[in-house]
Structures are given as structure tokens and as C-alpha cells.
Amino acid sequence: MPPILAPVRPVFRAVAEAMVPAAQRYGAAEWTAMEAVVERALGARPRKMQQQLVTFMRLANVLAVGMSGQTLVSLPVEKREQVLHRLERAPVALVRRGVWGVRTLIFMGHYGR
């Protein structure tokens, strides 16, 4: 089975760098270790939940364009933080839950590596 994060890896990493400042200094080995923890956790979840994560990451990247004129991946870290703070306070509950779910996975990956 292909890695779940593969289609959204740049977005996942951009969000991780905004949520965990130490991730800005990750090298290849740290990213691999972090993503392996997240992949294992996601692999134990239903396929529908895995797809929801990928969909949310894509949506967050597009919503960033509407808020800032650029994708999350192309924004500097400070602007990514601002976009993510706005998304975590969004009027749509699914968007807020998506941010908290991704944050949980990122923290798990960061501390679990």
C-alpha cells in the first residue's frame, strides 16, 4: 500500500513546520521518522478516515490561497501560522476538527520519533 501522506507530503510538512517550530530544522532522517509514526497510526485507521485526512490537507492548502493569496506550502512559516490559527477558529466545525486532528498527528509524530 502506498504511503498515505505521499500525495500531500509538502502540505503536511508545511503545516508541521508551523505547528512544531523544531520541525523547521528537521533533516531527511527526522522527517522519515516522524512520517513513519504518523503512517503507522493512520494505517490502523479506516480507509475513509485516511482519505479524509488527505482531503483536509488539500482543502487547507486551497483555503490558504483564499486567505493569503498563496498556498500553505509557499507561505513563510509566520503566515502559515496565521492561516492555521484562522482555520482552527473557522465557523465550520469540520474545518476546526481537521486542524485539531492534523495537529494531534503532527505532535504524535514529533514526540514519537
N, C-alpha and C. Protein backbone atom coordinates (compact mmCIF):
# COMPACT_ATOMS: atom_id res chain seq x y z
N MET A 1 0.85 -1.19 0.00
CA MET A 1 0.00 0.00 0.00
C MET A 1 0.89 1.25 0.00
N PRO A 2 0.62 2.20 -0.89
CA PRO A 2 1.45 3.42 -0.93
C PRO A 2 1.27 4.24 0.35
N PRO A 3 2.27 5.00 0.71
CA PRO A 3 2.15 5.84 1.91
C PRO A 3 0.94 6.77 1.82
N ILE A 4 0.26 6.91 2.91
CA ILE A 4 -0.96 7.73 2.96
C ILE A 4 -0.62 9.21 2.77
N LEU A 5 0.48 9.65 3.33
CA LEU A 5 0.86 11.06 3.25
C LEU A 5 1.47 11.45 1.91
N ALA A 6 1.82 10.48 1.09
CA ALA A 6 2.54 10.76 -0.16
C ALA A 6 1.90 11.87 -1.00
N PRO A 7 0.58 11.84 -1.24
CA PRO A 7 0.01 12.88 -2.12
C PRO A 7 -0.02 14.28 -1.50
N VAL A 8 0.14 14.36 -0.18
CA VAL A 8 0.06 15.67 0.48
C VAL A 8 1.30 15.95 1.34
N ARG A 9 2.37 15.24 1.10
CA ARG A 9 3.59 15.38 1.92
C ARG A 9 4.06 16.84 2.03
N PRO A 10 4.16 17.62 0.94
CA PRO A 10 4.61 19.01 1.10
C PRO A 10 3.69 19.84 1.99
N VAL A 11 2.39 19.61 1.89
CA VAL A 11 1.44 20.35 2.73
C VAL A 11 1.59 19.90 4.19
N PHE A 12 1.68 18.59 4.40
CA PHE A 12 1.85 18.06 5.76
C PHE A 12 3.10 18.66 6.40
N ARG A 13 4.18 18.69 5.67
CA ARG A 13 5.43 19.24 6.21
C ARG A 13 5.33 20.74 6.48
N ALA A 14 4.65 21.46 5.60
CA ALA A 14 4.46 22.90 5.80
C ALA A 14 3.65 23.16 7.07
N VAL A 15 2.61 22.37 7.27
CA VAL A 15 1.79 22.52 8.48
C VAL A 15 2.61 22.13 9.71
N ALA A 16 3.36 21.04 9.62
CA ALA A 16 4.18 20.59 10.74
C ALA A 16 5.18 21.66 11.15
N GLU A 17 5.81 22.31 10.18
CA GLU A 17 6.78 23.36 10.49
C GLU A 17 6.13 24.54 11.20
N ALA A 18 4.87 24.80 10.89
CA ALA A 18 4.15 25.90 11.54
C ALA A 18 3.70 25.52 12.94
N MET A 19 3.37 24.26 13.15
CA MET A 19 2.85 23.82 14.44
C MET A 19 3.95 23.41 15.42
N VAL A 20 5.05 22.90 14.90
CA VAL A 20 6.17 22.47 15.74
C VAL A 20 7.43 23.17 15.20
N PRO A 21 7.80 24.30 15.77
CA PRO A 21 8.95 25.04 15.24
C PRO A 21 10.22 24.20 15.07
N ALA A 22 10.42 23.20 15.91
CA ALA A 22 11.61 22.34 15.78
C ALA A 22 11.63 21.61 14.44
N ALA A 23 10.47 21.39 13.85
CA ALA A 23 10.40 20.69 12.56
C ALA A 23 11.05 21.50 11.43
N GLN A 24 11.20 22.79 11.63
CA GLN A 24 11.86 23.62 10.62
C GLN A 24 13.33 23.23 10.45
N ARG A 25 13.88 22.56 11.45
CA ARG A 25 15.28 22.13 11.41
C ARG A 25 15.44 20.65 11.12
N TYR A 26 14.33 19.95 10.83
CA TYR A 26 14.42 18.52 10.54
C TYR A 26 15.25 18.27 9.30
N GLY A 27 16.04 17.23 9.35
CA GLY A 27 16.71 16.72 8.17
C GLY A 27 15.89 15.55 7.63
N ALA A 28 16.42 14.91 6.62
CA ALA A 28 15.70 13.79 5.98
C ALA A 28 15.37 12.68 6.98
N ALA A 29 16.31 12.35 7.85
CA ALA A 29 16.09 11.25 8.81
C ALA A 29 14.96 11.59 9.79
N GLU A 30 14.92 12.83 10.26
CA GLU A 30 13.85 13.23 11.19
C GLU A 30 12.48 13.22 10.53
N TRP A 31 12.42 13.71 9.29
CA TRP A 31 11.14 13.68 8.57
C TRP A 31 10.70 12.24 8.35
N THR A 32 11.61 11.39 7.96
CA THR A 32 11.27 9.98 7.72
C THR A 32 10.74 9.34 9.00
N ALA A 33 11.41 9.60 10.11
CA ALA A 33 10.98 9.02 11.38
C ALA A 33 9.61 9.56 11.80
N MET A 34 9.42 10.86 11.67
CA MET A 34 8.14 11.45 12.05
C MET A 34 7.00 10.90 11.19
N GLU A 35 7.22 10.89 9.89
CA GLU A 35 6.18 10.43 8.99
C GLU A 35 5.89 8.94 9.17
N ALA A 36 6.89 8.16 9.56
CA ALA A 36 6.67 6.73 9.82
C ALA A 36 5.72 6.54 11.00
N VAL A 37 5.88 7.35 12.04
CA VAL A 37 4.98 7.28 13.19
C VAL A 37 3.56 7.61 12.75
N VAL A 38 3.41 8.67 11.98
CA VAL A 38 2.08 9.09 11.51
C VAL A 38 1.48 8.05 10.57
N GLU A 39 2.29 7.53 9.67
CA GLU A 39 1.81 6.49 8.73
C GLU A 39 1.31 5.26 9.48
N ARG A 40 2.04 4.84 10.52
CA ARG A 40 1.60 3.67 11.31
C ARG A 40 0.26 3.95 11.97
N ALA A 41 0.13 5.13 12.53
CA ALA A 41 -1.14 5.49 13.19
C ALA A 41 -2.28 5.53 12.18
N LEU A 42 -2.02 6.12 11.03
CA LEU A 42 -3.07 6.21 10.00
C LEU A 42 -3.38 4.84 9.40
N GLY A 43 -2.37 3.99 9.29
CA GLY A 43 -2.57 2.66 8.73
C GLY A 43 -3.54 1.82 9.54
N ALA A 44 -3.66 2.13 10.83
CA ALA A 44 -4.57 1.40 11.71
C ALA A 44 -5.99 1.97 11.65
N ARG A 45 -6.18 3.03 10.91
CA ARG A 45 -7.49 3.68 10.80
C ARG A 45 -8.21 3.23 9.53
N PRO A 46 -9.53 3.37 9.51
CA PRO A 46 -10.28 3.00 8.31
C PRO A 46 -9.85 3.82 7.10
N ARG A 47 -9.98 3.23 5.93
CA ARG A 47 -9.60 3.90 4.68
C ARG A 47 -10.31 5.24 4.53
N LYS A 48 -11.56 5.31 4.94
CA LYS A 48 -12.32 6.56 4.82
C LYS A 48 -11.65 7.67 5.63
N MET A 49 -11.16 7.35 6.82
CA MET A 49 -10.51 8.35 7.65
C MET A 49 -9.19 8.79 7.01
N GLN A 50 -8.48 7.86 6.42
CA GLN A 50 -7.24 8.20 5.72
C GLN A 50 -7.52 9.17 4.58
N GLN A 51 -8.58 8.90 3.83
CA GLN A 51 -8.95 9.77 2.72
C GLN A 51 -9.38 11.15 3.21
N GLN A 52 -10.05 11.18 4.37
CA GLN A 52 -10.47 12.46 4.93
C GLN A 52 -9.26 13.32 5.28
N LEU A 53 -8.21 12.70 5.81
CA LEU A 53 -7.01 13.46 6.13
C LEU A 53 -6.40 14.06 4.87
N VAL A 54 -6.27 13.25 3.83
CA VAL A 54 -5.70 13.74 2.57
C VAL A 54 -6.56 14.86 2.00
N THR A 55 -7.87 14.68 2.04
CA THR A 55 -8.79 15.71 1.55
C THR A 55 -8.65 16.99 2.36
N PHE A 56 -8.56 16.86 3.68
CA PHE A 56 -8.43 18.05 4.51
C PHE A 56 -7.13 18.79 4.22
N MET A 57 -6.04 18.07 4.05
CA MET A 57 -4.76 18.71 3.76
C MET A 57 -4.84 19.49 2.44
N ARG A 58 -5.49 18.90 1.46
CA ARG A 58 -5.66 19.60 0.17
C ARG A 58 -6.54 20.83 0.35
N LEU A 59 -7.62 20.69 1.11
CA LEU A 59 -8.53 21.79 1.35
C LEU A 59 -7.83 22.93 2.09
N ALA A 60 -7.06 22.60 3.10
CA ALA A 60 -6.33 23.63 3.85
C ALA A 60 -5.39 24.39 2.93
N ASN A 61 -4.75 23.69 2.02
CA ASN A 61 -3.83 24.34 1.08
C ASN A 61 -4.58 25.32 0.18
N VAL A 62 -5.77 24.92 -0.26
CA VAL A 62 -6.59 25.78 -1.13
C VAL A 62 -7.17 26.95 -0.33
N LEU A 63 -7.64 26.68 0.88
CA LEU A 63 -8.19 27.76 1.71
C LEU A 63 -7.14 28.83 1.99
N ALA A 64 -5.90 28.41 2.13
CA ALA A 64 -4.81 29.37 2.35
C ALA A 64 -4.71 30.35 1.19
N VAL A 65 -4.97 29.86 -0.03
CA VAL A 65 -4.93 30.75 -1.20
C VAL A 65 -6.00 31.83 -1.06
N GLY A 66 -7.18 31.43 -0.63
CA GLY A 66 -8.26 32.39 -0.45
C GLY A 66 -7.98 33.40 0.65
N MET A 67 -7.24 32.98 1.67
CA MET A 67 -6.95 33.86 2.80
C MET A 67 -5.72 34.73 2.59
N SER A 68 -4.74 34.21 1.86
CA SER A 68 -3.46 34.92 1.78
C SER A 68 -2.94 35.12 0.36
N GLY A 69 -3.59 34.48 -0.60
CA GLY A 69 -3.12 34.60 -1.97
C GLY A 69 -2.06 33.58 -2.35
N GLN A 70 -1.65 32.73 -1.39
CA GLN A 70 -0.64 31.71 -1.64
C GLN A 70 -1.04 30.41 -0.94
N THR A 71 -0.48 29.31 -1.43
CA THR A 71 -0.73 28.02 -0.77
C THR A 71 0.07 27.97 0.53
N LEU A 72 -0.32 27.05 1.41
CA LEU A 72 0.43 26.87 2.66
C LEU A 72 1.89 26.57 2.39
N VAL A 73 2.13 25.77 1.37
CA VAL A 73 3.49 25.35 1.05
C VAL A 73 4.37 26.54 0.66
N SER A 74 3.79 27.52 -0.02
CA SER A 74 4.59 28.65 -0.50
C SER A 74 4.65 29.82 0.49
N LEU A 75 3.85 29.76 1.55
CA LEU A 75 3.86 30.85 2.54
C LEU A 75 5.05 30.72 3.49
N PRO A 76 5.56 31.85 3.97
CA PRO A 76 6.55 31.77 5.05
C PRO A 76 5.88 31.22 6.31
N VAL A 77 6.67 30.68 7.20
CA VAL A 77 6.13 30.00 8.39
C VAL A 77 5.19 30.89 9.19
N GLU A 78 5.54 32.15 9.37
CA GLU A 78 4.69 33.05 10.17
C GLU A 78 3.30 33.19 9.56
N LYS A 79 3.23 33.30 8.24
CA LYS A 79 1.94 33.42 7.56
C LYS A 79 1.16 32.10 7.63
N ARG A 80 1.87 30.98 7.55
CA ARG A 80 1.21 29.66 7.71
C ARG A 80 0.55 29.58 9.08
N GLU A 81 1.27 30.04 10.10
CA GLU A 81 0.71 30.03 11.45
C GLU A 81 -0.58 30.84 11.51
N GLN A 82 -0.57 32.00 10.88
CA GLN A 82 -1.76 32.86 10.87
C GLN A 82 -2.93 32.16 10.18
N VAL A 83 -2.67 31.55 9.03
CA VAL A 83 -3.72 30.83 8.30
C VAL A 83 -4.26 29.69 9.15
N LEU A 84 -3.38 28.93 9.77
CA LEU A 84 -3.82 27.79 10.59
C LEU A 84 -4.61 28.25 11.81
N HIS A 85 -4.23 29.38 12.40
CA HIS A 85 -4.99 29.93 13.53
C HIS A 85 -6.40 30.32 13.07
N ARG A 86 -6.49 30.89 11.89
CA ARG A 86 -7.82 31.24 11.36
C ARG A 86 -8.64 29.98 11.09
N LEU A 87 -8.00 28.95 10.55
CA LEU A 87 -8.72 27.70 10.27
C LEU A 87 -9.18 27.02 11.55
N GLU A 88 -8.40 27.10 12.62
CA GLU A 88 -8.81 26.45 13.86
C GLU A 88 -9.96 27.20 14.53
N ARG A 89 -10.26 28.39 14.07
CA ARG A 89 -11.41 29.15 14.58
C ARG A 89 -12.50 29.31 13.51
N ALA A 90 -12.41 28.51 12.46
CA ALA A 90 -13.37 28.61 11.35
C ALA A 90 -14.80 28.33 11.85
N PRO A 91 -15.79 28.93 11.20
CA PRO A 91 -17.18 28.68 11.59
C PRO A 91 -17.66 27.27 11.27
N VAL A 92 -16.95 26.58 10.40
CA VAL A 92 -17.33 25.22 10.01
C VAL A 92 -16.61 24.23 10.93
N ALA A 93 -17.40 23.47 11.68
CA ALA A 93 -16.84 22.55 12.68
C ALA A 93 -15.88 21.53 12.05
N LEU A 94 -16.17 21.05 10.86
CA LEU A 94 -15.29 20.07 10.23
C LEU A 94 -13.90 20.62 9.96
N VAL A 95 -13.83 21.90 9.64
CA VAL A 95 -12.52 22.53 9.41
C VAL A 95 -11.76 22.61 10.73
N ARG A 96 -12.44 23.03 11.80
CA ARG A 96 -11.80 23.10 13.11
C ARG A 96 -11.31 21.73 13.55
N ARG A 97 -12.15 20.72 13.39
CA ARG A 97 -11.75 19.35 13.75
C ARG A 97 -10.59 18.86 12.91
N GLY A 98 -10.58 19.24 11.65
CA GLY A 98 -9.48 18.85 10.77
C GLY A 98 -8.15 19.40 11.27
N VAL A 99 -8.16 20.66 11.68
CA VAL A 99 -6.93 21.28 12.19
C VAL A 99 -6.48 20.54 13.45
N TRP A 100 -7.41 20.28 14.36
CA TRP A 100 -7.03 19.60 15.60
C TRP A 100 -6.58 18.17 15.34
N GLY A 101 -7.19 17.50 14.38
CA GLY A 101 -6.76 16.15 14.04
C GLY A 101 -5.35 16.12 13.47
N VAL A 102 -5.07 17.04 12.57
CA VAL A 102 -3.73 17.13 11.97
C VAL A 102 -2.72 17.51 13.04
N ARG A 103 -3.08 18.43 13.91
CA ARG A 103 -2.18 18.85 14.99
C ARG A 103 -1.84 17.64 15.88
N THR A 104 -2.83 16.84 16.19
CA THR A 104 -2.60 15.66 17.02
C THR A 104 -1.62 14.70 16.34
N LEU A 105 -1.83 14.46 15.05
CA LEU A 105 -0.92 13.58 14.31
C LEU A 105 0.50 14.14 14.26
N ILE A 106 0.62 15.44 14.05
CA ILE A 106 1.94 16.06 13.97
C ILE A 106 2.65 15.97 15.32
N PHE A 107 1.96 16.26 16.41
CA PHE A 107 2.59 16.14 17.73
C PHE A 107 2.98 14.69 18.01
N MET A 108 2.10 13.76 17.66
CA MET A 108 2.41 12.35 17.86
C MET A 108 3.66 11.96 17.08
N GLY A 109 3.74 12.41 15.83
CA GLY A 109 4.91 12.10 15.03
C GLY A 109 6.17 12.75 15.56
N HIS A 110 6.05 13.99 15.99
CA HIS A 110 7.21 14.71 16.51
C HIS A 110 7.74 14.06 17.79
N TYR A 111 6.86 13.82 18.74
CA TYR A 111 7.31 13.26 20.01
C TYR A 111 7.52 11.75 19.96
N GLY A 112 6.90 11.09 18.98
CA GLY A 112 7.02 9.64 18.87
C GLY A 112 8.23 9.15 18.09
N ARG A 113 8.91 10.08 17.42
CA ARG A 113 10.05 9.64 16.62
C ARG A 113 11.22 9.40 17.48
